Each structure stands twice: as C-alpha cells, then as structure tokens.
Amino acid sequence: MLASLGGCSKGAAPAASPVVNAAASAATSSAPSTATAQSPPAPSPATQQAYTEASASGVGFTVGPVMAANEVIIFFDPQCPHCGALWGASKPLLDKVKMRWVPVGFLRPQSTPQGALLLAAPDPMALMDEHESSLLDRKGGLQVPQQLDDELLDKVKANTQLLRKLGADSVPFILFRNARTGAYDNHVGGVSTEQLAEMLGL
C-alpha cells in the first residue's frame, strides 16, 4: 500500500482513485464508500478506459525512452509543489520508463501560460528543471511573456477539462499500467522514487 506525499486541489482535499470513483459513482451511490487516500478502491475497467482516453487526448511533453511501449501519464499544474516534488522523484527512473507530463491550469493565473511555455519548449525537460528551480527559490517559476500562442493556451485548457472529465480535481494525477502485472491503475498525490517504482512494477 502506498502513502501519498500530498497533492494540490482547488478548494478540496485530494481524493483517492478519482477515475474509479467517478466512473462507478452511479452504480455505488446507494452503498457507503470506505475509500480513503490510504486505502484506494481496486482498479476497475474504468481505469483502463481513462488511461486510453488520456493517452489519446492529453497533450504533454515526453521524457524517458521514446520507444518504450509502456507510458505513464502525469497530469500536473506548474504551480503545484507536489507536482514539482514528483518531477524530481521520477527522474532516477527515466532510464526505465517513458512519462508524458500533461500540464493543466487551475491553481493560479500563471498556471495555464506556464504550461503553454513548457509545451512549446524545444527541450521541455531542461525548461521544467529551470521552472522547478525557480519555484524552489520562491521566484514563481517561468516568466510568462505578454503574448502567447492561443493554440498552446487552448491545449492546456483542454487538458484541464480532460482532467475534470476523468473525475479528478487534484494534481499530480498519475495514470499508469503496472509493468509486471499489466493492471491499469491511477494515483493522486506525490510519491517517492521508491514508491513510484513499486507502483509502476519496475
């Protein structure tokens, strides 16, 4: 069982396994829920469906082995400190797994334009490192120009809508397929490098 290191949400505490909860809410509305952040419900087919939809529609930047068959999808807000911690925790695993980081914007006004800058970067990994260093130094992250490509801004907005469609209102939100078992699952909140490796079956 994995313990979350925390997540960021707008006006609500992070919920466990939102895809499963959202997809199953109609079927389980008459039964009391016992799920907590420490005791998420078992993965369901809805999780695989959510992974497939996010894989097809979530616009992000990819790090790790390009040709890897298995891809981890991480929704993040550029202003979320827990997302930044997960970015750092994930880096030791990048020789083993491909990760798609999908920016969303709902925490602060600069979240969406900063996400657009990351999508436009020729070297998004380097720019993400620069951004996270700026946040750690309490400088607010990437400086946003007055004019940005509306198409890039719209992609981040579409990612945000997709996140909510999947039933999540907290980040980081991770969708993945365990490499050992083949099971699809999701996780809300940050995890350590060791916990992430366990989740992914590495």
N, C-alpha and C. Protein backbone atom coordinates (compact mmCIF):
# COMPACT_ATOMS: atom_id res chain seq x y z
N MET A 1 0.85 -1.19 0.00
CA MET A 1 0.00 0.00 0.00
C MET A 1 0.88 1.24 0.00
N LEU A 2 0.53 2.21 -0.85
CA LEU A 2 1.36 3.40 -0.99
C LEU A 2 0.74 4.58 -0.26
N ALA A 3 1.57 5.33 0.41
CA ALA A 3 1.10 6.54 1.09
C ALA A 3 1.41 7.74 0.22
N SER A 4 0.39 8.56 -0.03
CA SER A 4 0.59 9.75 -0.85
C SER A 4 1.37 10.80 -0.08
N LEU A 5 2.25 11.51 -0.79
CA LEU A 5 3.01 12.59 -0.17
C LEU A 5 2.29 13.92 -0.31
N GLY A 6 1.07 13.90 -0.82
CA GLY A 6 0.29 15.12 -0.91
C GLY A 6 0.01 15.51 -2.34
N GLY A 7 -1.01 16.32 -2.51
CA GLY A 7 -1.38 16.82 -3.82
C GLY A 7 -2.03 18.18 -3.67
N CYS A 8 -2.24 18.85 -4.80
CA CYS A 8 -2.85 20.18 -4.80
C CYS A 8 -4.20 20.12 -5.48
N SER A 9 -5.20 20.75 -4.85
CA SER A 9 -6.52 20.83 -5.45
C SER A 9 -7.06 22.23 -5.24
N LYS A 10 -8.07 22.57 -6.01
CA LYS A 10 -8.67 23.89 -5.90
C LYS A 10 -9.90 23.79 -5.02
N GLY A 11 -9.73 24.11 -3.75
CA GLY A 11 -10.86 24.16 -2.85
C GLY A 11 -11.31 22.84 -2.28
N ALA A 12 -10.50 21.77 -2.51
CA ALA A 12 -10.89 20.46 -1.97
C ALA A 12 -9.65 19.63 -1.72
N ALA A 13 -9.73 18.72 -0.76
CA ALA A 13 -8.63 17.81 -0.49
C ALA A 13 -8.57 16.76 -1.58
N PRO A 14 -7.36 16.25 -1.90
CA PRO A 14 -7.26 15.23 -2.92
C PRO A 14 -8.05 13.98 -2.56
N ALA A 15 -8.68 13.40 -3.57
CA ALA A 15 -9.44 12.16 -3.38
C ALA A 15 -8.68 11.00 -3.96
N ALA A 16 -8.91 9.81 -3.44
CA ALA A 16 -8.21 8.64 -3.94
C ALA A 16 -8.90 8.09 -5.17
N SER A 17 -8.10 7.64 -6.15
CA SER A 17 -8.59 6.97 -7.34
C SER A 17 -9.83 7.63 -7.93
N PRO A 18 -9.74 8.91 -8.38
CA PRO A 18 -10.93 9.62 -8.82
C PRO A 18 -11.57 9.01 -10.05
N VAL A 19 -10.78 8.42 -10.95
CA VAL A 19 -11.36 7.82 -12.14
C VAL A 19 -12.32 6.71 -11.76
N VAL A 20 -11.86 5.83 -10.87
CA VAL A 20 -12.70 4.72 -10.45
C VAL A 20 -13.93 5.24 -9.73
N ASN A 21 -13.74 6.19 -8.82
CA ASN A 21 -14.87 6.72 -8.08
C ASN A 21 -15.88 7.39 -8.99
N ALA A 22 -15.39 8.18 -9.95
CA ALA A 22 -16.28 8.90 -10.83
C ALA A 22 -17.05 7.95 -11.73
N ALA A 23 -16.35 6.96 -12.27
CA ALA A 23 -16.99 6.04 -13.19
C ALA A 23 -17.99 5.14 -12.49
N ALA A 24 -17.72 4.83 -11.23
CA ALA A 24 -18.57 3.89 -10.52
C ALA A 24 -19.61 4.56 -9.64
N SER A 25 -19.64 5.89 -9.61
CA SER A 25 -20.48 6.58 -8.64
C SER A 25 -21.96 6.26 -8.82
N ALA A 26 -22.40 6.15 -10.07
CA ALA A 26 -23.80 5.87 -10.31
C ALA A 26 -24.18 4.49 -9.81
N ALA A 27 -23.25 3.54 -9.99
CA ALA A 27 -23.54 2.16 -9.59
C ALA A 27 -23.44 1.96 -8.10
N THR A 28 -22.72 2.82 -7.41
CA THR A 28 -22.47 2.61 -5.98
C THR A 28 -23.09 3.69 -5.11
N SER A 29 -23.97 4.52 -5.69
CA SER A 29 -24.50 5.65 -4.94
C SER A 29 -25.30 5.22 -3.72
N SER A 30 -25.83 3.98 -3.73
CA SER A 30 -26.63 3.53 -2.60
C SER A 30 -25.80 2.88 -1.51
N ALA A 31 -24.49 2.64 -1.80
CA ALA A 31 -23.63 1.99 -0.81
C ALA A 31 -22.66 2.98 -0.24
N PRO A 32 -22.40 2.94 1.07
CA PRO A 32 -21.44 3.87 1.67
C PRO A 32 -20.04 3.58 1.18
N SER A 33 -19.27 4.64 0.95
CA SER A 33 -17.91 4.49 0.48
C SER A 33 -16.95 4.39 1.65
N THR A 34 -16.01 3.47 1.56
CA THR A 34 -15.00 3.33 2.60
C THR A 34 -13.63 3.68 2.09
N ALA A 35 -13.53 4.23 0.85
CA ALA A 35 -12.24 4.54 0.25
C ALA A 35 -11.63 5.76 0.91
N THR A 36 -10.34 5.72 1.14
CA THR A 36 -9.59 6.85 1.64
C THR A 36 -8.33 6.98 0.82
N ALA A 37 -7.57 8.08 1.03
CA ALA A 37 -6.33 8.26 0.29
C ALA A 37 -5.33 7.14 0.60
N GLN A 38 -5.45 6.52 1.78
CA GLN A 38 -4.54 5.45 2.14
C GLN A 38 -5.08 4.08 1.73
N SER A 39 -6.38 3.99 1.42
CA SER A 39 -6.99 2.71 1.07
C SER A 39 -7.84 2.86 -0.18
N PRO A 40 -7.22 3.01 -1.37
CA PRO A 40 -7.98 3.24 -2.59
C PRO A 40 -8.72 1.98 -3.02
N PRO A 41 -9.84 2.17 -3.76
CA PRO A 41 -10.56 1.01 -4.24
C PRO A 41 -9.75 0.25 -5.28
N ALA A 42 -10.13 -1.00 -5.50
CA ALA A 42 -9.43 -1.81 -6.50
C ALA A 42 -9.64 -1.22 -7.88
N PRO A 43 -8.63 -1.33 -8.77
CA PRO A 43 -8.78 -0.81 -10.12
C PRO A 43 -9.94 -1.49 -10.84
N SER A 44 -10.60 -0.75 -11.72
CA SER A 44 -11.72 -1.28 -12.48
C SER A 44 -11.47 -1.04 -13.96
N PRO A 45 -12.31 -1.61 -14.83
CA PRO A 45 -12.15 -1.32 -16.27
C PRO A 45 -12.21 0.16 -16.59
N ALA A 46 -12.87 0.95 -15.75
CA ALA A 46 -12.93 2.39 -15.98
C ALA A 46 -11.55 3.01 -15.96
N THR A 47 -10.64 2.45 -15.16
CA THR A 47 -9.29 2.99 -15.10
C THR A 47 -8.57 2.80 -16.43
N GLN A 48 -8.71 1.63 -17.02
CA GLN A 48 -8.10 1.40 -18.32
C GLN A 48 -8.70 2.31 -19.37
N GLN A 49 -10.00 2.53 -19.31
CA GLN A 49 -10.66 3.44 -20.25
C GLN A 49 -10.13 4.86 -20.08
N ALA A 50 -9.95 5.28 -18.83
CA ALA A 50 -9.42 6.62 -18.57
C ALA A 50 -8.00 6.75 -19.09
N TYR A 51 -7.19 5.72 -18.88
CA TYR A 51 -5.81 5.73 -19.39
C TYR A 51 -5.83 5.87 -20.91
N THR A 52 -6.69 5.10 -21.57
CA THR A 52 -6.76 5.14 -23.03
C THR A 52 -7.18 6.53 -23.52
N GLU A 53 -8.17 7.13 -22.84
CA GLU A 53 -8.63 8.46 -23.24
C GLU A 53 -7.54 9.51 -23.00
N ALA A 54 -6.87 9.42 -21.87
CA ALA A 54 -5.80 10.38 -21.58
C ALA A 54 -4.65 10.21 -22.56
N SER A 55 -4.34 8.98 -22.92
CA SER A 55 -3.27 8.72 -23.88
C SER A 55 -3.59 9.31 -25.24
N ALA A 56 -4.87 9.25 -25.61
CA ALA A 56 -5.27 9.75 -26.93
C ALA A 56 -5.42 11.27 -26.96
N SER A 57 -5.83 11.87 -25.84
CA SER A 57 -6.22 13.28 -25.86
C SER A 57 -5.32 14.22 -25.05
N GLY A 58 -4.61 13.71 -24.07
CA GLY A 58 -3.79 14.58 -23.23
C GLY A 58 -2.54 15.05 -23.96
N VAL A 59 -2.39 16.37 -24.07
CA VAL A 59 -1.25 16.96 -24.77
C VAL A 59 -0.17 17.32 -23.75
N GLY A 60 0.99 16.68 -23.89
CA GLY A 60 2.06 16.96 -22.96
C GLY A 60 3.41 16.79 -23.60
N PHE A 61 4.45 16.76 -22.78
CA PHE A 61 5.80 16.51 -23.28
C PHE A 61 6.30 15.20 -22.68
N THR A 62 7.09 14.48 -23.47
CA THR A 62 7.52 13.14 -23.09
C THR A 62 8.99 13.13 -22.70
N VAL A 63 9.28 12.43 -21.62
CA VAL A 63 10.65 12.22 -21.16
C VAL A 63 10.85 10.72 -20.95
N GLY A 64 12.09 10.28 -21.00
CA GLY A 64 12.39 8.87 -20.88
C GLY A 64 12.54 8.22 -22.25
N PRO A 65 12.67 6.91 -22.30
CA PRO A 65 12.90 6.21 -23.57
C PRO A 65 11.73 6.38 -24.53
N VAL A 66 11.98 7.01 -25.66
CA VAL A 66 10.91 7.32 -26.60
C VAL A 66 10.23 6.07 -27.12
N MET A 67 10.99 4.99 -27.32
CA MET A 67 10.45 3.78 -27.92
C MET A 67 9.82 2.83 -26.90
N ALA A 68 9.79 3.20 -25.64
CA ALA A 68 9.20 2.33 -24.62
C ALA A 68 7.72 2.12 -24.91
N ALA A 69 7.26 0.88 -24.78
CA ALA A 69 5.87 0.57 -25.09
C ALA A 69 4.92 1.08 -24.01
N ASN A 70 5.37 1.08 -22.78
CA ASN A 70 4.52 1.46 -21.66
C ASN A 70 4.77 2.93 -21.30
N GLU A 71 3.70 3.71 -21.23
CA GLU A 71 3.83 5.13 -20.93
C GLU A 71 3.03 5.49 -19.69
N VAL A 72 3.66 6.24 -18.80
CA VAL A 72 3.00 6.78 -17.62
C VAL A 72 2.51 8.18 -17.96
N ILE A 73 1.27 8.49 -17.61
CA ILE A 73 0.69 9.81 -17.90
C ILE A 73 0.48 10.55 -16.60
N ILE A 74 1.08 11.74 -16.52
CA ILE A 74 1.01 12.52 -15.27
C ILE A 74 0.41 13.88 -15.57
N PHE A 75 -0.76 14.16 -15.02
CA PHE A 75 -1.36 15.49 -15.09
C PHE A 75 -0.76 16.32 -13.96
N PHE A 76 -0.30 17.54 -14.31
CA PHE A 76 0.33 18.38 -13.30
C PHE A 76 0.00 19.85 -13.55
N ASP A 77 -0.02 20.61 -12.49
CA ASP A 77 -0.16 22.07 -12.58
C ASP A 77 1.22 22.67 -12.32
N PRO A 78 1.71 23.55 -13.18
CA PRO A 78 3.05 24.11 -12.99
C PRO A 78 3.25 24.83 -11.66
N GLN A 79 2.16 25.21 -10.99
CA GLN A 79 2.28 25.90 -9.71
C GLN A 79 2.12 24.96 -8.51
N CYS A 80 2.04 23.66 -8.77
CA CYS A 80 1.83 22.68 -7.69
C CYS A 80 3.17 22.20 -7.14
N PRO A 81 3.47 22.46 -5.88
CA PRO A 81 4.75 22.00 -5.32
C PRO A 81 4.86 20.48 -5.24
N HIS A 82 3.73 19.80 -5.05
CA HIS A 82 3.76 18.33 -5.01
C HIS A 82 4.09 17.76 -6.38
N CYS A 83 3.65 18.45 -7.44
CA CYS A 83 4.00 18.03 -8.80
C CYS A 83 5.50 18.20 -9.02
N GLY A 84 6.04 19.30 -8.50
CA GLY A 84 7.47 19.52 -8.62
C GLY A 84 8.27 18.46 -7.88
N ALA A 85 7.78 18.06 -6.70
CA ALA A 85 8.47 17.01 -5.95
C ALA A 85 8.41 15.68 -6.71
N LEU A 86 7.27 15.41 -7.37
CA LEU A 86 7.14 14.18 -8.15
C LEU A 86 8.07 14.21 -9.36
N TRP A 87 8.22 15.40 -9.97
CA TRP A 87 9.15 15.55 -11.08
C TRP A 87 10.55 15.11 -10.65
N GLY A 88 10.99 15.60 -9.51
CA GLY A 88 12.31 15.23 -9.01
C GLY A 88 12.40 13.76 -8.67
N ALA A 89 11.34 13.21 -8.07
CA ALA A 89 11.34 11.80 -7.69
C ALA A 89 11.35 10.87 -8.90
N SER A 90 10.78 11.33 -10.00
CA SER A 90 10.67 10.48 -11.19
C SER A 90 11.96 10.39 -11.99
N LYS A 91 12.82 11.36 -11.85
CA LYS A 91 14.00 11.44 -12.73
C LYS A 91 14.93 10.23 -12.64
N PRO A 92 15.15 9.63 -11.46
CA PRO A 92 16.02 8.45 -11.42
C PRO A 92 15.46 7.25 -12.19
N LEU A 93 14.18 7.30 -12.56
CA LEU A 93 13.56 6.16 -13.25
C LEU A 93 13.47 6.37 -14.76
N LEU A 94 13.97 7.48 -15.24
CA LEU A 94 13.75 7.82 -16.64
C LEU A 94 14.55 6.96 -17.61
N ASP A 95 15.47 6.15 -17.11
CA ASP A 95 16.14 5.19 -17.99
C ASP A 95 15.32 3.92 -18.15
N LYS A 96 14.22 3.82 -17.38
CA LYS A 96 13.41 2.60 -17.39
C LYS A 96 11.99 2.81 -17.90
N VAL A 97 11.50 4.03 -17.87
CA VAL A 97 10.09 4.26 -18.17
C VAL A 97 9.90 5.57 -18.93
N LYS A 98 8.91 5.56 -19.81
CA LYS A 98 8.54 6.77 -20.56
C LYS A 98 7.40 7.46 -19.82
N MET A 99 7.52 8.76 -19.65
CA MET A 99 6.50 9.53 -18.94
C MET A 99 6.03 10.69 -19.79
N ARG A 100 4.71 10.86 -19.85
CA ARG A 100 4.13 12.02 -20.51
C ARG A 100 3.58 12.96 -19.44
N TRP A 101 4.15 14.15 -19.38
CA TRP A 101 3.72 15.16 -18.41
C TRP A 101 2.73 16.09 -19.10
N VAL A 102 1.50 16.10 -18.60
CA VAL A 102 0.39 16.82 -19.22
C VAL A 102 0.03 18.02 -18.35
N PRO A 103 0.36 19.24 -18.81
CA PRO A 103 0.10 20.42 -17.97
C PRO A 103 -1.38 20.81 -17.97
N VAL A 104 -1.85 21.19 -16.79
CA VAL A 104 -3.20 21.74 -16.62
C VAL A 104 -3.05 23.08 -15.90
N GLY A 105 -4.13 23.83 -15.84
CA GLY A 105 -4.06 25.13 -15.19
C GLY A 105 -5.31 25.44 -14.38
N PHE A 106 -5.22 25.32 -13.06
CA PHE A 106 -6.36 25.72 -12.24
C PHE A 106 -5.95 26.26 -10.87
N LEU A 107 -4.69 26.16 -10.52
CA LEU A 107 -4.28 26.62 -9.19
C LEU A 107 -4.08 28.13 -9.12
N ARG A 108 -3.40 28.69 -10.13
CA ARG A 108 -3.10 30.12 -10.14
C ARG A 108 -3.21 30.65 -11.57
N PRO A 109 -3.35 31.97 -11.74
CA PRO A 109 -3.48 32.53 -13.09
C PRO A 109 -2.31 32.19 -14.00
N GLN A 110 -1.10 32.07 -13.45
CA GLN A 110 0.07 31.80 -14.29
C GLN A 110 0.21 30.33 -14.65
N SER A 111 -0.63 29.46 -14.08
CA SER A 111 -0.50 28.03 -14.34
C SER A 111 -0.67 27.70 -15.82
N THR A 112 -1.72 28.23 -16.44
CA THR A 112 -2.00 27.91 -17.84
C THR A 112 -0.92 28.43 -18.77
N PRO A 113 -0.51 29.71 -18.69
CA PRO A 113 0.56 30.16 -19.58
C PRO A 113 1.90 29.47 -19.33
N GLN A 114 2.21 29.14 -18.09
CA GLN A 114 3.44 28.40 -17.84
C GLN A 114 3.38 27.01 -18.46
N GLY A 115 2.22 26.37 -18.40
CA GLY A 115 2.05 25.09 -19.06
C GLY A 115 2.23 25.20 -20.56
N ALA A 116 1.73 26.29 -21.13
CA ALA A 116 1.88 26.51 -22.57
C ALA A 116 3.36 26.68 -22.94
N LEU A 117 4.12 27.37 -22.11
CA LEU A 117 5.55 27.54 -22.36
C LEU A 117 6.27 26.19 -22.36
N LEU A 118 5.89 25.33 -21.44
CA LEU A 118 6.52 24.01 -21.37
C LEU A 118 6.18 23.17 -22.61
N LEU A 119 4.96 23.29 -23.11
CA LEU A 119 4.58 22.57 -24.32
C LEU A 119 5.35 23.06 -25.54
N ALA A 120 5.68 24.34 -25.55
CA ALA A 120 6.36 24.92 -26.70
C ALA A 120 7.87 24.76 -26.67
N ALA A 121 8.42 24.30 -25.56
CA ALA A 121 9.87 24.27 -25.38
C ALA A 121 10.54 23.23 -26.28
N PRO A 122 11.64 23.59 -26.94
CA PRO A 122 12.39 22.60 -27.72
C PRO A 122 13.05 21.55 -26.82
N ASP A 123 13.35 21.93 -25.59
CA ASP A 123 13.89 20.98 -24.61
C ASP A 123 13.06 21.11 -23.33
N PRO A 124 11.87 20.48 -23.29
CA PRO A 124 10.98 20.66 -22.14
C PRO A 124 11.56 20.16 -20.83
N MET A 125 12.42 19.15 -20.87
CA MET A 125 13.00 18.65 -19.63
C MET A 125 13.89 19.71 -18.98
N ALA A 126 14.71 20.37 -19.79
CA ALA A 126 15.57 21.42 -19.27
C ALA A 126 14.75 22.59 -18.75
N LEU A 127 13.68 22.95 -19.49
CA LEU A 127 12.85 24.07 -19.06
C LEU A 127 12.07 23.72 -17.80
N MET A 128 11.64 22.48 -17.68
CA MET A 128 10.94 22.05 -16.46
C MET A 128 11.90 22.12 -15.27
N ASP A 129 13.14 21.71 -15.46
CA ASP A 129 14.13 21.83 -14.39
C ASP A 129 14.30 23.29 -13.98
N GLU A 130 14.40 24.16 -14.98
CA GLU A 130 14.56 25.60 -14.70
C GLU A 130 13.35 26.14 -13.94
N HIS A 131 12.17 25.72 -14.38
CA HIS A 131 10.93 26.17 -13.74
C HIS A 131 10.88 25.73 -12.28
N GLU A 132 11.16 24.45 -12.04
CA GLU A 132 11.08 23.93 -10.68
C GLU A 132 12.13 24.56 -9.77
N SER A 133 13.30 24.85 -10.31
CA SER A 133 14.33 25.53 -9.52
C SER A 133 13.86 26.92 -9.11
N SER A 134 13.19 27.61 -10.04
CA SER A 134 12.66 28.93 -9.74
C SER A 134 11.59 28.87 -8.66
N LEU A 135 10.75 27.85 -8.72
CA LEU A 135 9.72 27.70 -7.69
C LEU A 135 10.35 27.44 -6.33
N LEU A 136 11.36 26.60 -6.29
CA LEU A 136 12.04 26.30 -5.03
C LEU A 136 12.69 27.55 -4.44
N ASP A 137 13.15 28.43 -5.32
CA ASP A 137 13.76 29.68 -4.87
C ASP A 137 12.72 30.76 -4.59
N ARG A 138 11.44 30.38 -4.64
CA ARG A 138 10.32 31.29 -4.38
C ARG A 138 10.30 32.47 -5.37
N LYS A 139 10.64 32.18 -6.61
CA LYS A 139 10.62 33.21 -7.66
C LYS A 139 9.43 33.05 -8.60
N GLY A 140 8.57 32.07 -8.32
CA GLY A 140 7.32 31.96 -9.07
C GLY A 140 7.35 31.10 -10.31
N GLY A 141 8.52 30.61 -10.67
CA GLY A 141 8.59 29.77 -11.87
C GLY A 141 8.87 30.58 -13.12
N LEU A 142 8.55 30.00 -14.27
CA LEU A 142 8.85 30.62 -15.56
C LEU A 142 8.19 31.98 -15.70
N GLN A 143 8.94 32.91 -16.26
CA GLN A 143 8.39 34.22 -16.57
C GLN A 143 7.54 34.12 -17.83
N VAL A 144 6.32 34.60 -17.75
CA VAL A 144 5.38 34.46 -18.86
C VAL A 144 5.37 35.74 -19.70
N PRO A 145 5.61 35.64 -21.01
CA PRO A 145 5.55 36.82 -21.87
C PRO A 145 4.12 37.35 -22.00
N GLN A 146 3.99 38.58 -22.42
CA GLN A 146 2.65 39.18 -22.54
C GLN A 146 1.82 38.49 -23.61
N GLN A 147 2.46 38.03 -24.67
CA GLN A 147 1.75 37.37 -25.75
C GLN A 147 2.18 35.90 -25.84
N LEU A 148 1.18 35.04 -25.88
CA LEU A 148 1.44 33.61 -26.04
C LEU A 148 0.52 33.06 -27.13
N ASP A 149 0.97 32.00 -27.77
CA ASP A 149 0.19 31.36 -28.81
C ASP A 149 -1.14 30.86 -28.23
N ASP A 150 -2.25 31.35 -28.77
CA ASP A 150 -3.56 30.94 -28.28
C ASP A 150 -3.77 29.44 -28.43
N GLU A 151 -3.18 28.85 -29.46
CA GLU A 151 -3.35 27.42 -29.68
C GLU A 151 -2.73 26.61 -28.54
N LEU A 152 -1.57 27.07 -28.05
CA LEU A 152 -0.93 26.38 -26.92
C LEU A 152 -1.74 26.57 -25.64
N LEU A 153 -2.24 27.78 -25.43
CA LEU A 153 -3.08 28.03 -24.25
C LEU A 153 -4.32 27.14 -24.28
N ASP A 154 -4.90 27.00 -25.48
CA ASP A 154 -6.11 26.18 -25.62
C ASP A 154 -5.81 24.71 -25.31
N LYS A 155 -4.60 24.26 -25.63
CA LYS A 155 -4.24 22.86 -25.33
C LYS A 155 -4.18 22.62 -23.83
N VAL A 156 -3.63 23.58 -23.10
CA VAL A 156 -3.59 23.43 -21.63
C VAL A 156 -5.00 23.48 -21.06
N LYS A 157 -5.83 24.36 -21.60
CA LYS A 157 -7.23 24.43 -21.14
C LYS A 157 -7.96 23.12 -21.43
N ALA A 158 -7.70 22.54 -22.60
CA ALA A 158 -8.32 21.26 -22.95
C ALA A 158 -7.84 20.15 -22.02
N ASN A 159 -6.55 20.19 -21.66
CA ASN A 159 -6.03 19.22 -20.69
C ASN A 159 -6.75 19.34 -19.35
N THR A 160 -7.01 20.58 -18.94
CA THR A 160 -7.69 20.82 -17.67
C THR A 160 -9.10 20.26 -17.70
N GLN A 161 -9.78 20.47 -18.82
CA GLN A 161 -11.13 19.91 -18.97
C GLN A 161 -11.10 18.39 -18.97
N LEU A 162 -10.07 17.82 -19.60
CA LEU A 162 -9.94 16.36 -19.63
C LEU A 162 -9.73 15.82 -18.22
N LEU A 163 -8.89 16.49 -17.43
CA LEU A 163 -8.66 16.06 -16.05
C LEU A 163 -9.96 16.00 -15.28
N ARG A 164 -10.78 17.03 -15.43
CA ARG A 164 -12.05 17.08 -14.71
C ARG A 164 -13.01 16.02 -15.26
N LYS A 165 -12.97 15.79 -16.56
CA LYS A 165 -13.82 14.76 -17.16
C LYS A 165 -13.49 13.39 -16.58
N LEU A 166 -12.22 13.18 -16.27
CA LEU A 166 -11.79 11.91 -15.69
C LEU A 166 -12.15 11.79 -14.20
N GLY A 167 -12.73 12.85 -13.65
CA GLY A 167 -13.19 12.79 -12.27
C GLY A 167 -12.18 13.28 -11.26
N ALA A 168 -11.09 13.89 -11.72
CA ALA A 168 -10.03 14.33 -10.81
C ALA A 168 -10.09 15.84 -10.63
N ASP A 169 -9.83 16.30 -9.41
CA ASP A 169 -9.70 17.74 -9.17
C ASP A 169 -8.43 18.05 -8.39
N SER A 170 -7.51 17.09 -8.38
CA SER A 170 -6.25 17.27 -7.66
C SER A 170 -5.08 16.80 -8.54
N VAL A 171 -3.94 17.41 -8.31
CA VAL A 171 -2.71 17.03 -9.01
C VAL A 171 -1.59 16.88 -7.98
N PRO A 172 -0.57 16.08 -8.31
CA PRO A 172 -0.41 15.29 -9.53
C PRO A 172 -1.39 14.13 -9.59
N PHE A 173 -1.84 13.83 -10.80
CA PHE A 173 -2.73 12.71 -11.06
C PHE A 173 -2.03 11.78 -12.04
N ILE A 174 -1.78 10.57 -11.60
CA ILE A 174 -0.96 9.63 -12.37
C ILE A 174 -1.83 8.48 -12.88
N LEU A 175 -1.76 8.23 -14.18
CA LEU A 175 -2.40 7.08 -14.81
C LEU A 175 -1.29 6.17 -15.32
N PHE A 176 -1.38 4.87 -15.05
CA PHE A 176 -0.26 4.00 -15.39
C PHE A 176 -0.71 2.56 -15.56
N ARG A 177 0.17 1.77 -16.14
CA ARG A 177 -0.03 0.33 -16.28
C ARG A 177 1.17 -0.35 -15.64
N ASN A 178 0.91 -1.19 -14.67
CA ASN A 178 1.99 -1.87 -13.97
C ASN A 178 2.72 -2.81 -14.93
N ALA A 179 4.04 -2.67 -15.02
CA ALA A 179 4.82 -3.43 -15.98
C ALA A 179 4.86 -4.92 -15.66
N ARG A 180 4.70 -5.27 -14.40
CA ARG A 180 4.75 -6.69 -14.01
C ARG A 180 3.40 -7.38 -14.15
N THR A 181 2.35 -6.71 -13.69
CA THR A 181 1.03 -7.35 -13.66
C THR A 181 0.17 -7.02 -14.87
N GLY A 182 0.49 -5.90 -15.56
CA GLY A 182 -0.33 -5.47 -16.69
C GLY A 182 -1.59 -4.74 -16.27
N ALA A 183 -1.80 -4.55 -14.96
CA ALA A 183 -3.01 -3.90 -14.46
C ALA A 183 -2.90 -2.39 -14.59
N TYR A 184 -4.01 -1.77 -15.00
CA TYR A 184 -4.09 -0.31 -15.07
C TYR A 184 -4.53 0.23 -13.72
N ASP A 185 -4.00 1.40 -13.36
CA ASP A 185 -4.36 1.99 -12.08
C ASP A 185 -4.13 3.49 -12.15
N ASN A 186 -4.54 4.20 -11.10
CA ASN A 186 -4.29 5.63 -11.02
C ASN A 186 -3.97 6.01 -9.59
N HIS A 187 -3.31 7.14 -9.44
CA HIS A 187 -2.89 7.58 -8.12
C HIS A 187 -2.92 9.10 -8.07
N VAL A 188 -3.42 9.64 -6.96
CA VAL A 188 -3.43 11.09 -6.74
C VAL A 188 -2.40 11.43 -5.68
N GLY A 189 -1.55 12.42 -5.98
CA GLY A 189 -0.59 12.89 -5.00
C GLY A 189 0.83 12.46 -5.31
N GLY A 190 1.77 13.06 -4.62
CA GLY A 190 3.16 12.75 -4.84
C GLY A 190 3.57 11.45 -4.18
N VAL A 191 4.62 10.85 -4.71
CA VAL A 191 5.20 9.63 -4.14
C VAL A 191 6.72 9.75 -4.24
N SER A 192 7.41 8.95 -3.45
CA SER A 192 8.86 8.92 -3.52
C SER A 192 9.30 8.12 -4.74
N THR A 193 10.59 8.16 -5.04
CA THR A 193 11.13 7.38 -6.16
C THR A 193 10.84 5.90 -5.95
N GLU A 194 11.06 5.42 -4.74
CA GLU A 194 10.84 4.00 -4.44
C GLU A 194 9.38 3.62 -4.58
N GLN A 195 8.49 4.47 -4.09
CA GLN A 195 7.06 4.20 -4.20
C GLN A 195 6.61 4.22 -5.66
N LEU A 196 7.14 5.15 -6.43
CA LEU A 196 6.78 5.24 -7.84
C LEU A 196 7.22 3.99 -8.58
N ALA A 197 8.43 3.52 -8.30
CA ALA A 197 8.93 2.30 -8.93
C ALA A 197 8.05 1.11 -8.57
N GLU A 198 7.59 1.05 -7.32
CA GLU A 198 6.71 -0.03 -6.89
C GLU A 198 5.38 0.04 -7.62
N MET A 199 4.81 1.24 -7.73
CA MET A 199 3.55 1.43 -8.43
C MET A 199 3.63 0.94 -9.87
N LEU A 200 4.73 1.29 -10.53
CA LEU A 200 4.89 1.01 -11.96
C LEU A 200 5.38 -0.40 -12.24
N GLY A 201 5.73 -1.14 -11.20
CA GLY A 201 6.21 -2.50 -11.37
C GLY A 201 7.59 -2.58 -11.97
N LEU A 202 8.45 -1.62 -11.59
CA LEU A 202 9.82 -1.58 -12.14
C LEU A 202 10.78 -2.34 -11.24
